C-alpha atoms as a PDB file:
ATOM      1  CA  MET A   1      25.422  31.580  -0.305  1.00  0.00           C
ATOM      2  CA  HIS A   2      24.482  27.998  -2.334  1.00  0.00           C
ATOM      3  CA  GLU A   3      21.693  26.496  -3.518  1.00  0.00           C
ATOM      4  CA  LEU A   4      20.467  22.662  -1.765  1.00  0.00           C
ATOM      5  CA  LYS A   5      19.080  21.023  -4.725  1.00  0.00           C
ATOM      6  CA  LEU A   6      16.687  18.176  -3.184  1.00  0.00           C
ATOM      7  CA  GLU A   7      15.151  15.751  -5.698  1.00  0.00           C
ATOM      8  CA  SER A   8      12.560  12.855  -4.498  1.00  0.00           C
ATOM      9  CA  ILE A   9      11.186  10.024  -6.589  1.00  0.00           C
ATOM     10  CA  ILE A  10       8.193   8.187  -5.790  1.00  0.00           C
ATOM     11  CA  ARG A  11       6.978   5.312  -7.629  1.00  0.00           C
ATOM     12  CA  VAL A  12       2.976   5.496  -8.113  1.00  0.00           C
ATOM     13  CA  TYR A  13       0.943   2.315  -8.123  1.00  0.00           C
ATOM     14  CA  GLU A  14      -2.959   2.528  -9.289  1.00  0.00           C
ATOM     15  CA  ASN A  15      -3.834  -0.520  -8.040  1.00  0.00           C
ATOM     16  CA  LEU A  16      -2.488  -3.429  -5.456  1.00  0.00           C
ATOM     17  CA  GLN A  17      -1.845  -5.706  -8.639  1.00  0.00           C
ATOM     18  CA  GLU A  18       0.500  -4.032  -9.563  1.00  0.00           C
ATOM     19  CA  LEU A  19       2.790  -4.627  -6.770  1.00  0.00           C
ATOM     20  CA  SER A  20       4.951  -7.348  -6.002  1.00  0.00           C
ATOM     21  CA  ILE A  21       3.326 -10.330  -4.180  1.00  0.00           C
ATOM     22  CA  ALA A  22       5.336  -9.446  -1.391  1.00  0.00           C
ATOM     23  CA  ASP A  23       4.722  -6.200  -1.533  1.00  0.00           C
ATOM     24  CA  GLN A  24       1.041  -6.896  -1.714  1.00  0.00           C
ATOM     25  CA  THR A  25       0.643  -8.952   1.161  1.00  0.00           C
ATOM     26  CA  LEU A  26       2.718  -6.173   3.343  1.00  0.00           C
ATOM     27  CA  VAL A  27      -0.085  -3.693   2.384  1.00  0.00           C
ATOM     28  CA  GLN A  28      -2.597  -6.262   2.707  1.00  0.00           C
ATOM     29  CA  SER A  29      -1.280  -6.964   6.531  1.00  0.00           C
ATOM     30  CA  ALA A  30      -1.544  -2.779   7.155  1.00  0.00           C
ATOM     31  CA  LYS A  31      -5.199  -3.029   5.524  1.00  0.00           C
ATOM     32  CA  ASP A  32      -5.950  -5.605   7.966  1.00  0.00           C
ATOM     33  CA  ALA A  33      -4.224  -3.314  11.177  1.00  0.00           C
ATOM     34  CA  THR A  34      -6.292  -0.094  10.470  1.00  0.00           C
ATOM     35  CA  LYS A  35      -9.394  -2.797  12.273  1.00  0.00           C
ATOM     36  CA  GLN A  36      -7.272  -2.640  14.860  1.00  0.00           C
ATOM     37  CA  ALA A  37      -7.163   0.757  15.714  1.00  0.00           C
ATOM     38  CA  TYR A  38      -8.646   2.654  17.908  1.00  0.00           C
ATOM     39  CA  ALA A  39      -9.975   6.054  16.645  1.00  0.00           C
ATOM     40  CA  PRO A  40     -13.300   7.296  17.826  1.00  0.00           C
ATOM     41  CA  TYR A  41     -12.191  11.066  18.160  1.00  0.00           C
ATOM     42  CA  SER A  42     -10.860  11.410  14.363  1.00  0.00           C
ATOM     43  CA  LYS A  43     -12.496   8.558  12.720  1.00  0.00           C
ATOM     44  CA  PHE A  44      -9.176   8.090  10.677  1.00  0.00           C
ATOM     45  CA  PHE A  45      -7.773   4.294  10.440  1.00  0.00           C
ATOM     46  CA  VAL A  46      -4.395   3.488  10.203  1.00  0.00           C
ATOM     47  CA  GLY A  47      -2.648   0.652  10.112  1.00  0.00           C
ATOM     48  CA  ALA A  48       1.123  -0.133   9.649  1.00  0.00           C
ATOM     49  CA  ALA A  49       3.160  -3.313   8.724  1.00  0.00           C
ATOM     50  CA  LEU A  50       7.038  -3.954   9.381  1.00  0.00           C
ATOM     51  CA  LEU A  51       8.506  -6.217   7.258  1.00  0.00           C
ATOM     52  CA  LEU A  52      12.000  -8.253   8.581  1.00  0.00           C
ATOM     53  CA  GLU A  53      14.941  -9.497   7.316  1.00  0.00           C
ATOM     54  CA  SER A  54      13.375 -12.409   9.185  1.00  0.00           C
ATOM     55  CA  GLY A  55      10.537 -12.343   6.572  1.00  0.00           C
ATOM     56  CA  GLU A  56       8.077 -12.131   9.791  1.00  0.00           C
ATOM     57  CA  ILE A  57       5.569  -9.181   9.623  1.00  0.00           C
ATOM     58  CA  ILE A  58       5.348  -6.578  12.718  1.00  0.00           C
ATOM     59  CA  THR A  59       2.003  -4.860  12.898  1.00  0.00           C
ATOM     60  CA  GLY A  60       0.428  -2.112  14.226  1.00  0.00           C
ATOM     61  CA  SER A  61      -2.544   0.659  15.180  1.00  0.00           C
ATOM     62  CA  ASN A  62      -2.936   4.197  15.756  1.00  0.00           C
ATOM     63  CA  GLN A  63      -4.500   4.313  19.188  1.00  0.00           C
ATOM     64  CA  GLU A  64      -5.956   7.274  20.084  1.00  0.00           C
ATOM     65  CA  ASN A  65      -7.233   8.926  23.982  1.00  0.00           C
ATOM     66  CA  ALA A  66      -9.269  11.506  24.731  1.00  0.00           C
ATOM     67  CA  ALA A  67      -6.722  13.305  26.908  1.00  0.00           C
ATOM     68  CA  TYR A  68      -4.369  14.339  23.118  1.00  0.00           C
ATOM     69  CA  PRO A  69      -1.660  13.431  22.348  1.00  0.00           C
ATOM     70  CA  SER A  70      -1.773  10.481  25.293  1.00  0.00           C
ATOM     71  CA  GLY A  71      -2.200   8.268  22.045  1.00  0.00           C
ATOM     72  CA  LEU A  72       0.036   7.014  20.002  1.00  0.00           C
ATOM     73  CA  CYS A  73       0.315   6.440  15.696  1.00  0.00           C
ATOM     74  CA  ALA A  74       0.680   3.310  14.314  1.00  0.00           C
ATOM     75  CA  GLU A  75       3.606   3.724  12.390  1.00  0.00           C
ATOM     76  CA  ARG A  76       5.013   4.441  15.695  1.00  0.00           C
ATOM     77  CA  VAL A  77       3.146   1.067  17.414  1.00  0.00           C
ATOM     78  CA  ALA A  78       4.632  -1.015  14.848  1.00  0.00           C
ATOM     79  CA  PHE A  79       8.273   0.190  14.919  1.00  0.00           C
ATOM     80  CA  PHE A  80       8.533   0.591  19.334  1.00  0.00           C
ATOM     81  CA  SER A  81       6.948  -3.251  18.944  1.00  0.00           C
ATOM     82  CA  ALA A  82       9.768  -4.204  16.341  1.00  0.00           C
ATOM     83  CA  GLY A  83      12.626  -2.646  18.832  1.00  0.00           C
ATOM     84  CA  HIS A  84      11.454  -4.462  21.862  1.00  0.00           C
ATOM     85  CA  GLN A  85      10.243  -7.917  20.555  1.00  0.00           C
ATOM     86  CA  HIS A  86      12.559  -8.374  17.443  1.00  0.00           C
ATOM     87  CA  LYS A  87      15.736  -5.746  18.458  1.00  0.00           C
ATOM     88  CA  GLY A  88      18.497  -6.607  16.122  1.00  0.00           C
ATOM     89  CA  LYS A  89      16.239  -7.696  13.460  1.00  0.00           C
ATOM     90  CA  GLN A  90      16.676  -5.289  10.231  1.00  0.00           C
ATOM     91  CA  ILE A  91      13.630  -3.944   9.263  1.00  0.00           C
ATOM     92  CA  LEU A  92      13.553  -3.796   5.132  1.00  0.00           C
ATOM     93  CA  ALA A  93      10.283  -2.078   5.029  1.00  0.00           C
ATOM     94  CA  VAL A  94       7.336  -0.442   5.827  1.00  0.00           C
ATOM     95  CA  ALA A  95       3.436  -0.148   4.658  1.00  0.00           C
ATOM     96  CA  ILE A  96       1.419   2.518   6.216  1.00  0.00           C
ATOM     97  CA  ALA A  97      -2.727   1.964   5.558  1.00  0.00           C
ATOM     98  CA  VAL A  98      -5.244   4.968   5.996  1.00  0.00           C
ATOM     99  CA  VAL A  99      -9.155   3.728   6.311  1.00  0.00           C
ATOM    100  CA  SER A 100     -11.751   6.624   6.942  1.00  0.00           C
ATOM    101  CA  GLU A 101     -15.589   6.836   6.662  1.00  0.00           C
ATOM    102  CA  GLU A 102     -15.863  10.334   7.138  1.00  0.00           C
ATOM    103  CA  HIS A 103     -13.229  11.400   5.557  1.00  0.00           C
ATOM    104  CA  ARG A 104     -12.172  12.088   1.893  1.00  0.00           C
ATOM    105  CA  VAL A 105      -9.003  10.194   1.617  1.00  0.00           C
ATOM    106  CA  ALA A 106      -7.433  11.381  -2.240  1.00  0.00           C
ATOM    107  CA  GLU A 107      -4.300  10.336  -1.876  1.00  0.00           C
ATOM    108  CA  PRO A 108      -1.841   7.827   0.016  1.00  0.00           C
ATOM    109  CA  VAL A 109      -1.176  10.234   3.651  1.00  0.00           C
ATOM    110  CA  ILE A 110       2.746  10.303   4.609  1.00  0.00           C
ATOM    111  CA  PRO A 111       3.216   9.464   8.411  1.00  0.00           C
ATOM    112  CA  CYS A 112       3.075  12.133  10.865  1.00  0.00           C
ATOM    113  CA  GLY A 113       7.076  14.193  11.761  1.00  0.00           C
ATOM    114  CA  ALA A 114       6.859  11.842  15.210  1.00  0.00           C
ATOM    115  CA  CYS A 115       6.808   9.117  13.313  1.00  0.00           C
ATOM    116  CA  MET A 116       9.194   9.974  10.570  1.00  0.00           C
ATOM    117  CA  GLN A 117      11.561  10.714  13.015  1.00  0.00           C
ATOM    118  CA  VAL A 118      11.071   7.740  14.900  1.00  0.00           C
ATOM    119  CA  MET A 119      11.746   5.263  11.017  1.00  0.00           C
ATOM    120  CA  SER A 120      14.907   7.734  10.456  1.00  0.00           C
ATOM    121  CA  GLU A 121      15.918   6.825  14.471  1.00  0.00           C
ATOM    122  CA  PHE A 122      15.389   2.745  12.891  1.00  0.00           C
ATOM    123  CA  GLN A 123      17.255   3.669   9.748  1.00  0.00           C
ATOM    124  CA  ARG A 124      20.370   4.748  10.846  1.00  0.00           C
ATOM    125  CA  ILE A 125      20.827   2.608  14.138  1.00  0.00           C
ATOM    126  CA  GLN A 126      20.270  -0.559  11.589  1.00  0.00           C
ATOM    127  CA  GLN A 127      22.340   1.651   8.435  1.00  0.00           C
ATOM    128  CA  LEU A 128      19.922   0.526   5.649  1.00  0.00           C
ATOM    129  CA  PRO A 129      16.915   2.322   4.428  1.00  0.00           C
ATOM    130  CA  ILE A 130      13.770   1.434   5.551  1.00  0.00           C
ATOM    131  CA  ARG A 131      11.656   1.492   2.086  1.00  0.00           C
ATOM    132  CA  ILE A 132       7.801   2.937   2.292  1.00  0.00           C
ATOM    133  CA  LEU A 133       4.515   1.826   0.778  1.00  0.00           C
ATOM    134  CA  LEU A 134       1.600   4.250   1.553  1.00  0.00           C
ATOM    135  CA  ASN A 135      -1.627   3.153   0.764  1.00  0.00           C
ATOM    136  CA  GLY A 136      -4.710   5.439   0.284  1.00  0.00           C
ATOM    137  CA  ASN A 137      -8.768   5.108   0.381  1.00  0.00           C
ATOM    138  CA  ASN A 138      -8.497   5.300  -3.706  1.00  0.00           C
ATOM    139  CA  GLY A 139      -6.550   2.023  -4.014  1.00  0.00           C
ATOM    140  CA  LYS A 140      -3.652   4.167  -5.274  1.00  0.00           C
ATOM    141  CA  THR A 141       0.349   3.046  -3.582  1.00  0.00           C
ATOM    142  CA  TYR A 142       3.401   5.142  -3.263  1.00  0.00           C
ATOM    143  CA  ASN A 143       6.326   2.903  -3.354  1.00  0.00           C
ATOM    144  CA  CYS A 144       9.567   5.323  -1.562  1.00  0.00           C
ATOM    145  CA  GLU A 145      13.412   3.581  -1.684  1.00  0.00           C
ATOM    146  CA  SER A 146      13.711   5.116   1.464  1.00  0.00           C
ATOM    147  CA  LEU A 147      12.603   8.108   4.289  1.00  0.00           C
ATOM    148  CA  GLN A 148      14.719  10.469   2.357  1.00  0.00           C
ATOM    149  CA  THR A 149      12.477  10.378   0.086  1.00  0.00           C
ATOM    150  CA  LEU A 150       9.609  11.536   2.017  1.00  0.00           C
ATOM    151  CA  MET A 151      12.221  13.931   4.381  1.00  0.00           C
ATOM    152  CA  PRO A 152      15.481  14.426   2.703  1.00  0.00           C
ATOM    153  CA  LEU A 153      16.992  16.665   5.673  1.00  0.00           C
ATOM    154  CA  GLN A 154      16.411  14.559   8.806  1.00  0.00           C
ATOM    155  CA  PHE A 155      17.705  15.720  12.367  1.00  0.00           C
ATOM    156  CA  ARG A 156      20.739  13.648  13.333  1.00  0.00           C
ATOM    157  CA  LEU A 157      22.351  13.882  16.712  1.00  0.00           C
END
């Protein structure tokens, strides 16, 4: 028997002004995408913005449906859109923003397991880490150098 020690480092920024201009733009794009979310049931509006190697930003928002689980998370909307419309372009970073007037979101929220698995697949295919910026209602932003930070043990075939 032996132990496997896992360690993660997340940089915490107290406000957007502490981020680089490029990261501020990406986070703002994710925040703007929350306005396109359809979340009448959860009242939890999520936006995702991907930065491609070309400098393009692809966005997505969560889309709920009364017939659960027919909806789709913002992250998967953005990643699948990039995979379809920008096949072969590397994804350098993703910003994920959460807005809710009904729920208190004290800290940035991590993606669900299904979204993290999708990100894992994209990282594996492109053989390049995808940096993750998580932004919540409180103004804080978490900066993770790759998905390994949030999900150190990943399912792989």
